[in-house]
Amino acid sequence: MKTIILYETRTGFTEECAQNMHKHIPGSVLKDIHEEDYSLEDFDTVLVGAPIYVGEIEHYTSRFFQRKKRKLMDKRLGIFCAGMNTAEFNLAVQTSLPPDIFYHAQIVHCGGKIDYKSLSLKDKFTVRRRLGLKENKEIHNELKVEEFLKWVNEKEAK
């Protein structure tokens, strides 16, 4: 059983989550989703990570799910998302994913990270308006991620 971990990142947190998963899934392959040097046919399990920004899964990853839907439906599919707001996460995955992908996939919210000082003025405004944050903040959903990794590794062992 081979696993590929694909990710799209905006500020680096989703990439950190992907790298952490890569360390805990023996033999897995880690790729930025924008790279084109892989074939989904070579893998049994596909894990896809994306940030949630302004209530939606990042656009490239959303389009990836649309374009690759048929292939993904034949795979064990896991989706991990990064974002600061759990309620926004729930709505984002329900509205950003095709319904059959949503029901087919194992989905986890990894947490999120805001490095307030490094944000653009527009992003600072958005973070203040949507989340009420004016400083750095980081949350980790370690137990949820551990359960997700357990699911992946149990499937790998079979």
N, C-alpha and C. Protein backbone atom coordinates (compact mmCIF):
# COMPACT_ATOMS: atom_id res chain seq x y z
N MET A 1 0.84 -1.18 0.00
CA MET A 1 0.00 0.00 0.00
C MET A 1 0.89 1.24 0.00
N LYS A 2 0.68 2.09 -0.99
CA LYS A 2 1.48 3.31 -1.09
C LYS A 2 0.61 4.53 -0.84
N THR A 3 1.20 5.49 -0.14
CA THR A 3 0.49 6.71 0.21
C THR A 3 1.22 7.92 -0.34
N ILE A 4 0.46 8.83 -0.94
CA ILE A 4 1.01 10.12 -1.34
C ILE A 4 0.32 11.20 -0.50
N ILE A 5 1.12 12.14 -0.06
CA ILE A 5 0.62 13.29 0.71
C ILE A 5 0.83 14.52 -0.16
N LEU A 6 -0.26 15.11 -0.58
CA LEU A 6 -0.22 16.33 -1.39
C LEU A 6 -0.67 17.49 -0.52
N TYR A 7 -0.08 18.65 -0.71
CA TYR A 7 -0.49 19.79 0.10
C TYR A 7 -0.37 21.08 -0.70
N GLU A 8 -1.22 22.02 -0.33
CA GLU A 8 -1.11 23.40 -0.79
C GLU A 8 -0.97 24.23 0.47
N THR A 9 -0.09 25.19 0.45
CA THR A 9 0.12 26.00 1.65
C THR A 9 0.10 27.47 1.31
N ARG A 10 -0.32 28.24 2.25
CA ARG A 10 -0.39 29.70 2.07
C ARG A 10 0.66 30.38 2.95
N THR A 11 0.73 29.95 4.21
CA THR A 11 1.67 30.56 5.15
C THR A 11 2.69 29.55 5.67
N GLY A 12 2.56 28.29 5.28
CA GLY A 12 3.50 27.27 5.70
C GLY A 12 2.95 26.28 6.71
N PHE A 13 1.80 26.57 7.34
CA PHE A 13 1.28 25.67 8.36
C PHE A 13 0.79 24.35 7.76
N THR A 14 0.12 24.41 6.63
CA THR A 14 -0.35 23.17 6.00
C THR A 14 0.84 22.30 5.59
N GLU A 15 1.91 22.92 5.13
CA GLU A 15 3.12 22.18 4.79
C GLU A 15 3.72 21.53 6.04
N GLU A 16 3.72 22.23 7.17
CA GLU A 16 4.19 21.64 8.43
C GLU A 16 3.37 20.41 8.79
N CYS A 17 2.05 20.52 8.64
CA CYS A 17 1.17 19.38 8.92
C CYS A 17 1.49 18.21 8.00
N ALA A 18 1.71 18.51 6.73
CA ALA A 18 2.02 17.46 5.75
C ALA A 18 3.35 16.79 6.09
N GLN A 19 4.35 17.58 6.46
CA GLN A 19 5.65 17.02 6.82
C GLN A 19 5.54 16.15 8.06
N ASN A 20 4.74 16.57 9.03
CA ASN A 20 4.52 15.77 10.24
C ASN A 20 3.87 14.43 9.88
N MET A 21 2.89 14.46 9.01
CA MET A 21 2.23 13.21 8.59
C MET A 21 3.21 12.31 7.84
N HIS A 22 4.01 12.92 6.98
CA HIS A 22 5.01 12.17 6.22
C HIS A 22 5.95 11.41 7.16
N LYS A 23 6.34 12.04 8.27
CA LYS A 23 7.22 11.39 9.26
C LYS A 23 6.54 10.20 9.92
N HIS A 24 5.21 10.24 10.02
CA HIS A 24 4.47 9.19 10.74
C HIS A 24 3.83 8.14 9.83
N ILE A 25 4.01 8.27 8.52
CA ILE A 25 3.45 7.28 7.59
C ILE A 25 4.62 6.67 6.81
N PRO A 26 5.05 5.50 7.22
CA PRO A 26 6.21 4.87 6.59
C PRO A 26 6.04 4.72 5.07
N GLY A 27 7.09 5.09 4.34
CA GLY A 27 7.10 4.93 2.89
C GLY A 27 6.25 5.91 2.12
N SER A 28 5.68 6.90 2.79
CA SER A 28 4.83 7.86 2.08
C SER A 28 5.67 8.80 1.23
N VAL A 29 5.01 9.37 0.23
CA VAL A 29 5.63 10.33 -0.69
C VAL A 29 4.98 11.68 -0.42
N LEU A 30 5.79 12.72 -0.29
CA LEU A 30 5.31 14.07 0.02
C LEU A 30 5.53 14.98 -1.18
N LYS A 31 4.46 15.67 -1.62
CA LYS A 31 4.54 16.54 -2.80
C LYS A 31 3.69 17.78 -2.60
N ASP A 32 4.21 18.89 -3.08
CA ASP A 32 3.39 20.10 -3.22
C ASP A 32 2.37 19.79 -4.32
N ILE A 33 1.12 20.12 -4.09
CA ILE A 33 0.06 19.76 -5.04
C ILE A 33 0.25 20.41 -6.41
N HIS A 34 1.05 21.50 -6.47
CA HIS A 34 1.30 22.18 -7.73
C HIS A 34 2.29 21.43 -8.61
N GLU A 35 3.04 20.49 -8.03
CA GLU A 35 3.98 19.70 -8.83
C GLU A 35 3.18 18.73 -9.69
N GLU A 36 3.71 18.42 -10.82
CA GLU A 36 3.00 17.53 -11.75
C GLU A 36 3.76 16.23 -11.98
N ASP A 37 4.77 15.94 -11.16
CA ASP A 37 5.63 14.78 -11.40
C ASP A 37 5.21 13.54 -10.60
N TYR A 38 3.92 13.30 -10.51
CA TYR A 38 3.41 12.12 -9.84
C TYR A 38 2.16 11.65 -10.57
N SER A 39 1.82 10.41 -10.34
CA SER A 39 0.60 9.85 -10.93
C SER A 39 -0.22 9.23 -9.80
N LEU A 40 -1.46 9.63 -9.68
CA LEU A 40 -2.32 9.08 -8.64
C LEU A 40 -2.50 7.57 -8.78
N GLU A 41 -2.34 7.07 -9.99
CA GLU A 41 -2.49 5.64 -10.22
C GLU A 41 -1.46 4.82 -9.44
N ASP A 42 -0.34 5.44 -9.07
CA ASP A 42 0.73 4.74 -8.36
C ASP A 42 0.47 4.58 -6.87
N PHE A 43 -0.66 5.11 -6.38
CA PHE A 43 -0.91 5.14 -4.94
C PHE A 43 -2.28 4.57 -4.60
N ASP A 44 -2.34 3.92 -3.43
CA ASP A 44 -3.60 3.38 -2.93
C ASP A 44 -4.32 4.40 -2.04
N THR A 45 -3.52 5.18 -1.32
CA THR A 45 -4.06 6.18 -0.40
C THR A 45 -3.57 7.55 -0.84
N VAL A 46 -4.48 8.50 -0.90
CA VAL A 46 -4.15 9.87 -1.27
C VAL A 46 -4.60 10.77 -0.11
N LEU A 47 -3.64 11.51 0.43
CA LEU A 47 -3.94 12.50 1.46
C LEU A 47 -3.72 13.88 0.86
N VAL A 48 -4.68 14.76 1.05
CA VAL A 48 -4.60 16.09 0.46
C VAL A 48 -4.80 17.12 1.57
N GLY A 49 -3.83 18.05 1.67
CA GLY A 49 -3.91 19.10 2.67
C GLY A 49 -4.07 20.46 2.02
N ALA A 50 -4.89 21.30 2.65
CA ALA A 50 -5.12 22.64 2.11
C ALA A 50 -5.48 23.60 3.23
N PRO A 51 -5.10 24.85 3.06
CA PRO A 51 -5.54 25.86 4.02
C PRO A 51 -6.97 26.30 3.72
N ILE A 52 -7.63 26.73 4.76
CA ILE A 52 -8.94 27.35 4.61
C ILE A 52 -8.72 28.84 4.77
N TYR A 53 -9.14 29.58 3.77
CA TYR A 53 -8.96 31.02 3.79
C TYR A 53 -10.28 31.68 3.39
N VAL A 54 -10.74 32.57 4.21
CA VAL A 54 -12.00 33.30 4.02
C VAL A 54 -13.15 32.32 3.75
N GLY A 55 -13.20 31.29 4.56
CA GLY A 55 -14.33 30.37 4.52
C GLY A 55 -14.34 29.35 3.41
N GLU A 56 -13.23 29.20 2.69
CA GLU A 56 -13.17 28.23 1.60
C GLU A 56 -11.83 27.51 1.59
N ILE A 57 -11.86 26.29 1.10
CA ILE A 57 -10.60 25.60 0.85
C ILE A 57 -9.91 26.34 -0.29
N GLU A 58 -8.60 26.49 -0.16
CA GLU A 58 -7.83 27.25 -1.15
C GLU A 58 -8.20 26.79 -2.57
N HIS A 59 -8.23 27.73 -3.50
CA HIS A 59 -8.80 27.52 -4.84
C HIS A 59 -8.13 26.41 -5.65
N TYR A 60 -6.81 26.35 -5.67
CA TYR A 60 -6.15 25.34 -6.49
C TYR A 60 -6.55 23.94 -6.03
N THR A 61 -6.58 23.74 -4.71
CA THR A 61 -6.96 22.42 -4.19
C THR A 61 -8.42 22.11 -4.49
N SER A 62 -9.28 23.11 -4.39
CA SER A 62 -10.69 22.89 -4.74
C SER A 62 -10.82 22.43 -6.19
N ARG A 63 -10.10 23.08 -7.08
CA ARG A 63 -10.13 22.69 -8.49
C ARG A 63 -9.52 21.30 -8.68
N PHE A 64 -8.47 20.97 -7.90
CA PHE A 64 -7.86 19.66 -7.97
C PHE A 64 -8.91 18.57 -7.68
N PHE A 65 -9.73 18.78 -6.66
CA PHE A 65 -10.78 17.80 -6.33
C PHE A 65 -11.77 17.66 -7.47
N GLN A 66 -12.10 18.74 -8.12
CA GLN A 66 -13.02 18.68 -9.27
C GLN A 66 -12.39 17.92 -10.43
N ARG A 67 -11.12 18.26 -10.75
CA ARG A 67 -10.45 17.65 -11.90
C ARG A 67 -10.14 16.17 -11.69
N LYS A 68 -9.80 15.78 -10.47
CA LYS A 68 -9.34 14.41 -10.19
C LYS A 68 -10.39 13.56 -9.49
N LYS A 69 -11.63 14.02 -9.47
CA LYS A 69 -12.67 13.36 -8.70
C LYS A 69 -12.81 11.88 -9.01
N ARG A 70 -12.84 11.52 -10.28
CA ARG A 70 -13.02 10.11 -10.65
C ARG A 70 -11.90 9.23 -10.11
N LYS A 71 -10.66 9.70 -10.24
CA LYS A 71 -9.51 8.94 -9.75
C LYS A 71 -9.53 8.86 -8.22
N LEU A 72 -9.89 9.95 -7.57
CA LEU A 72 -9.89 9.99 -6.11
C LEU A 72 -10.97 9.09 -5.51
N MET A 73 -12.05 8.92 -6.20
CA MET A 73 -13.13 8.07 -5.69
C MET A 73 -12.73 6.60 -5.64
N ASP A 74 -11.69 6.22 -6.39
CA ASP A 74 -11.19 4.85 -6.38
C ASP A 74 -10.08 4.64 -5.37
N LYS A 75 -9.75 5.68 -4.60
CA LYS A 75 -8.64 5.63 -3.64
C LYS A 75 -9.17 5.77 -2.22
N ARG A 76 -8.35 5.35 -1.26
CA ARG A 76 -8.62 5.74 0.12
C ARG A 76 -8.17 7.19 0.21
N LEU A 77 -9.09 8.06 0.56
CA LEU A 77 -8.85 9.49 0.49
C LEU A 77 -8.94 10.12 1.87
N GLY A 78 -7.91 10.86 2.22
CA GLY A 78 -7.91 11.65 3.44
C GLY A 78 -7.67 13.10 3.11
N ILE A 79 -8.36 13.98 3.80
CA ILE A 79 -8.20 15.41 3.59
C ILE A 79 -7.89 16.05 4.93
N PHE A 80 -6.83 16.85 4.96
CA PHE A 80 -6.49 17.59 6.18
C PHE A 80 -6.43 19.07 5.84
N CYS A 81 -7.09 19.86 6.67
CA CYS A 81 -7.19 21.30 6.41
C CYS A 81 -6.65 22.09 7.59
N ALA A 82 -6.06 23.23 7.26
CA ALA A 82 -5.55 24.14 8.27
C ALA A 82 -6.40 25.40 8.27
N GLY A 83 -6.75 25.84 9.46
CA GLY A 83 -7.52 27.06 9.60
C GLY A 83 -7.73 27.35 11.08
N MET A 84 -8.00 28.58 11.39
CA MET A 84 -8.10 29.00 12.79
C MET A 84 -9.49 28.82 13.39
N ASN A 85 -10.50 28.63 12.59
CA ASN A 85 -11.87 28.65 13.08
C ASN A 85 -12.54 27.31 12.77
N THR A 86 -12.88 26.56 13.82
CA THR A 86 -13.48 25.24 13.63
C THR A 86 -14.83 25.31 12.93
N ALA A 87 -15.66 26.28 13.30
CA ALA A 87 -16.96 26.42 12.64
C ALA A 87 -16.77 26.72 11.16
N GLU A 88 -15.80 27.57 10.84
CA GLU A 88 -15.51 27.89 9.45
C GLU A 88 -14.98 26.66 8.72
N PHE A 89 -14.19 25.85 9.40
CA PHE A 89 -13.68 24.60 8.81
C PHE A 89 -14.84 23.71 8.38
N ASN A 90 -15.79 23.49 9.28
CA ASN A 90 -16.92 22.61 8.96
C ASN A 90 -17.69 23.10 7.74
N LEU A 91 -17.98 24.38 7.70
CA LEU A 91 -18.71 24.94 6.56
C LEU A 91 -17.86 24.90 5.29
N ALA A 92 -16.58 25.22 5.41
CA ALA A 92 -15.70 25.26 4.24
C ALA A 92 -15.60 23.91 3.55
N VAL A 93 -15.42 22.83 4.32
CA VAL A 93 -15.28 21.53 3.68
C VAL A 93 -16.59 21.08 3.06
N GLN A 94 -17.70 21.44 3.69
CA GLN A 94 -18.99 21.05 3.13
C GLN A 94 -19.31 21.79 1.84
N THR A 95 -18.91 23.06 1.75
CA THR A 95 -19.25 23.84 0.57
C THR A 95 -18.17 23.83 -0.51
N SER A 96 -16.91 23.56 -0.13
CA SER A 96 -15.81 23.61 -1.09
C SER A 96 -15.56 22.29 -1.80
N LEU A 97 -15.99 21.20 -1.19
CA LEU A 97 -15.72 19.88 -1.77
C LEU A 97 -16.93 19.38 -2.54
N PRO A 98 -16.70 18.66 -3.64
CA PRO A 98 -17.82 17.99 -4.30
C PRO A 98 -18.47 17.03 -3.30
N PRO A 99 -19.79 16.92 -3.28
CA PRO A 99 -20.46 16.09 -2.27
C PRO A 99 -19.94 14.66 -2.20
N ASP A 100 -19.68 14.02 -3.35
CA ASP A 100 -19.22 12.63 -3.30
C ASP A 100 -17.82 12.54 -2.68
N ILE A 101 -16.97 13.53 -2.90
CA ILE A 101 -15.64 13.57 -2.27
C ILE A 101 -15.81 13.78 -0.77
N PHE A 102 -16.69 14.70 -0.38
CA PHE A 102 -16.94 14.98 1.04
C PHE A 102 -17.35 13.71 1.78
N TYR A 103 -18.26 12.94 1.21
CA TYR A 103 -18.74 11.73 1.89
C TYR A 103 -17.76 10.57 1.79
N HIS A 104 -16.91 10.57 0.80
CA HIS A 104 -15.95 9.48 0.59
C HIS A 104 -14.71 9.62 1.47
N ALA A 105 -14.32 10.84 1.78
CA ALA A 105 -13.03 11.11 2.42
C ALA A 105 -13.11 11.07 3.94
N GLN A 106 -11.98 10.74 4.53
CA GLN A 106 -11.74 10.94 5.96
C GLN A 106 -11.19 12.37 6.06
N ILE A 107 -11.80 13.22 6.87
CA ILE A 107 -11.43 14.64 6.89
C ILE A 107 -11.06 15.06 8.31
N VAL A 108 -9.97 15.84 8.41
CA VAL A 108 -9.53 16.31 9.72
C VAL A 108 -9.13 17.79 9.65
N HIS A 109 -9.40 18.49 10.74
CA HIS A 109 -8.97 19.88 10.91
C HIS A 109 -7.70 19.85 11.75
N CYS A 110 -6.56 20.22 11.17
CA CYS A 110 -5.26 20.15 11.85
C CYS A 110 -5.03 21.25 12.86
N GLY A 111 -5.74 22.34 12.71
CA GLY A 111 -5.48 23.52 13.52
C GLY A 111 -5.08 24.65 12.60
N GLY A 112 -4.42 25.64 13.15
CA GLY A 112 -4.01 26.77 12.33
C GLY A 112 -2.98 27.63 13.02
N LYS A 113 -2.45 28.55 12.26
CA LYS A 113 -1.40 29.42 12.78
C LYS A 113 -1.49 30.77 12.09
N ILE A 114 -1.48 31.82 12.89
CA ILE A 114 -1.46 33.18 12.37
C ILE A 114 -0.18 33.84 12.85
N ASP A 115 0.66 34.24 11.90
CA ASP A 115 1.84 35.05 12.20
C ASP A 115 1.45 36.47 11.81
N TYR A 116 0.81 37.16 12.73
CA TYR A 116 0.16 38.44 12.45
C TYR A 116 1.11 39.45 11.83
N LYS A 117 2.32 39.53 12.35
CA LYS A 117 3.28 40.54 11.87
C LYS A 117 3.65 40.34 10.40
N SER A 118 3.61 39.11 9.92
CA SER A 118 4.02 38.84 8.53
C SER A 118 2.88 38.97 7.53
N LEU A 119 1.65 39.21 8.00
CA LEU A 119 0.50 39.32 7.10
C LEU A 119 0.52 40.64 6.34
N SER A 120 -0.04 40.60 5.14
CA SER A 120 -0.24 41.85 4.39
C SER A 120 -1.32 42.67 5.10
N LEU A 121 -1.40 43.92 4.76
CA LEU A 121 -2.40 44.79 5.37
C LEU A 121 -3.81 44.25 5.12
N LYS A 122 -4.06 43.77 3.91
CA LYS A 122 -5.37 43.19 3.57
C LYS A 122 -5.66 41.97 4.43
N ASP A 123 -4.66 41.08 4.58
CA ASP A 123 -4.87 39.88 5.39
C ASP A 123 -5.04 40.21 6.87
N LYS A 124 -4.32 41.23 7.36
CA LYS A 124 -4.52 41.67 8.75
C LYS A 124 -5.95 42.13 8.96
N PHE A 125 -6.47 42.90 8.02
CA PHE A 125 -7.85 43.37 8.11
C PHE A 125 -8.81 42.18 8.13
N THR A 126 -8.58 41.22 7.24
CA THR A 126 -9.44 40.04 7.16
C THR A 126 -9.40 39.25 8.46
N VAL A 127 -8.21 39.04 9.02
CA VAL A 127 -8.06 38.28 10.26
C VAL A 127 -8.73 39.02 11.42
N ARG A 128 -8.58 40.32 11.47
CA ARG A 128 -9.24 41.10 12.55
C ARG A 128 -10.76 41.01 12.42
N ARG A 129 -11.24 41.16 11.19
CA ARG A 129 -12.68 41.16 10.96
C ARG A 129 -13.30 39.78 11.20
N ARG A 130 -12.67 38.73 10.67
CA ARG A 130 -13.26 37.39 10.74
C ARG A 130 -12.99 36.68 12.05
N LEU A 131 -11.80 36.88 12.64
CA LEU A 131 -11.41 36.11 13.81
C LEU A 131 -11.20 36.97 15.06
N GLY A 132 -11.19 38.28 14.89
CA GLY A 132 -10.97 39.16 16.03
C GLY A 132 -9.54 39.11 16.56
N LEU A 133 -8.59 38.69 15.73
CA LEU A 133 -7.20 38.57 16.17
C LEU A 133 -6.38 39.78 15.77
N LYS A 134 -5.50 40.19 16.68
CA LYS A 134 -4.57 41.29 16.41
C LYS A 134 -3.16 40.90 16.82
N GLU A 135 -2.94 39.60 16.99
CA GLU A 135 -1.63 39.11 17.41
C GLU A 135 -1.44 37.68 16.90
N ASN A 136 -0.24 37.17 17.07
CA ASN A 136 0.05 35.79 16.66
C ASN A 136 -0.80 34.82 17.46
N LYS A 137 -1.20 33.75 16.81
CA LYS A 137 -1.95 32.70 17.50
C LYS A 137 -1.73 31.39 16.76
N GLU A 138 -1.69 30.32 17.53
CA GLU A 138 -1.50 28.99 16.95
C GLU A 138 -2.36 28.00 17.72
N ILE A 139 -3.05 27.15 16.98
CA ILE A 139 -3.82 26.07 17.61
C ILE A 139 -3.46 24.77 16.90
N HIS A 140 -3.43 23.69 17.67
CA HIS A 140 -3.14 22.37 17.12
C HIS A 140 -4.22 21.41 17.59
N ASN A 141 -4.73 20.64 16.69
CA ASN A 141 -5.71 19.61 17.02
C ASN A 141 -4.99 18.26 17.01
N GLU A 142 -4.05 18.10 17.96
CA GLU A 142 -3.19 16.92 17.97
C GLU A 142 -3.96 15.61 18.06
N LEU A 143 -5.00 15.56 18.91
CA LEU A 143 -5.75 14.31 19.06
C LEU A 143 -6.46 13.93 17.76
N LYS A 144 -7.04 14.91 17.09
CA LYS A 144 -7.71 14.63 15.81
C LYS A 144 -6.70 14.16 14.76
N VAL A 145 -5.52 14.79 14.74
CA VAL A 145 -4.49 14.39 13.78
C VAL A 145 -3.99 12.99 14.11
N GLU A 146 -3.81 12.67 15.39
CA GLU A 146 -3.40 11.32 15.78
C GLU A 146 -4.42 10.27 15.32
N GLU A 147 -5.71 10.57 15.49
CA GLU A 147 -6.76 9.66 15.02
C GLU A 147 -6.69 9.48 13.51
N PHE A 148 -6.46 10.57 12.81
CA PHE A 148 -6.34 10.54 11.35
C PHE A 148 -5.16 9.67 10.94
N LEU A 149 -4.02 9.87 11.58
CA LEU A 149 -2.82 9.06 11.27
C LEU A 149 -3.05 7.60 11.61
N LYS A 150 -3.75 7.34 12.68
CA LYS A 150 -4.08 5.96 13.04
C LYS A 150 -4.93 5.32 11.94
N TRP A 151 -5.90 6.07 11.43
CA TRP A 151 -6.74 5.58 10.33
C TRP A 151 -5.88 5.25 9.12
N VAL A 152 -4.98 6.16 8.76
CA VAL A 152 -4.11 5.94 7.59
C VAL A 152 -3.25 4.71 7.82
N ASN A 153 -2.59 4.63 8.96
CA ASN A 153 -1.65 3.53 9.22
C ASN A 153 -2.35 2.19 9.40
N GLU A 154 -3.56 2.19 9.94
CA GLU A 154 -4.33 0.94 10.02
C GLU A 154 -4.65 0.43 8.63
N LYS A 155 -5.02 1.31 7.76
CA LYS A 155 -5.32 0.92 6.38
C LYS A 155 -4.04 0.43 5.70
N GLU A 156 -2.93 1.08 6.01
CA GLU A 156 -1.66 0.70 5.41
C GLU A 156 -1.26 -0.71 5.83
N ALA A 157 -1.55 -1.07 7.06
CA ALA A 157 -1.13 -2.37 7.59
C ALA A 157 -1.89 -3.54 6.97
N LYS A 158 -3.06 -3.27 6.44
CA LYS A 158 -3.89 -4.35 5.87
C LYS A 158 -3.40 -4.79 4.51
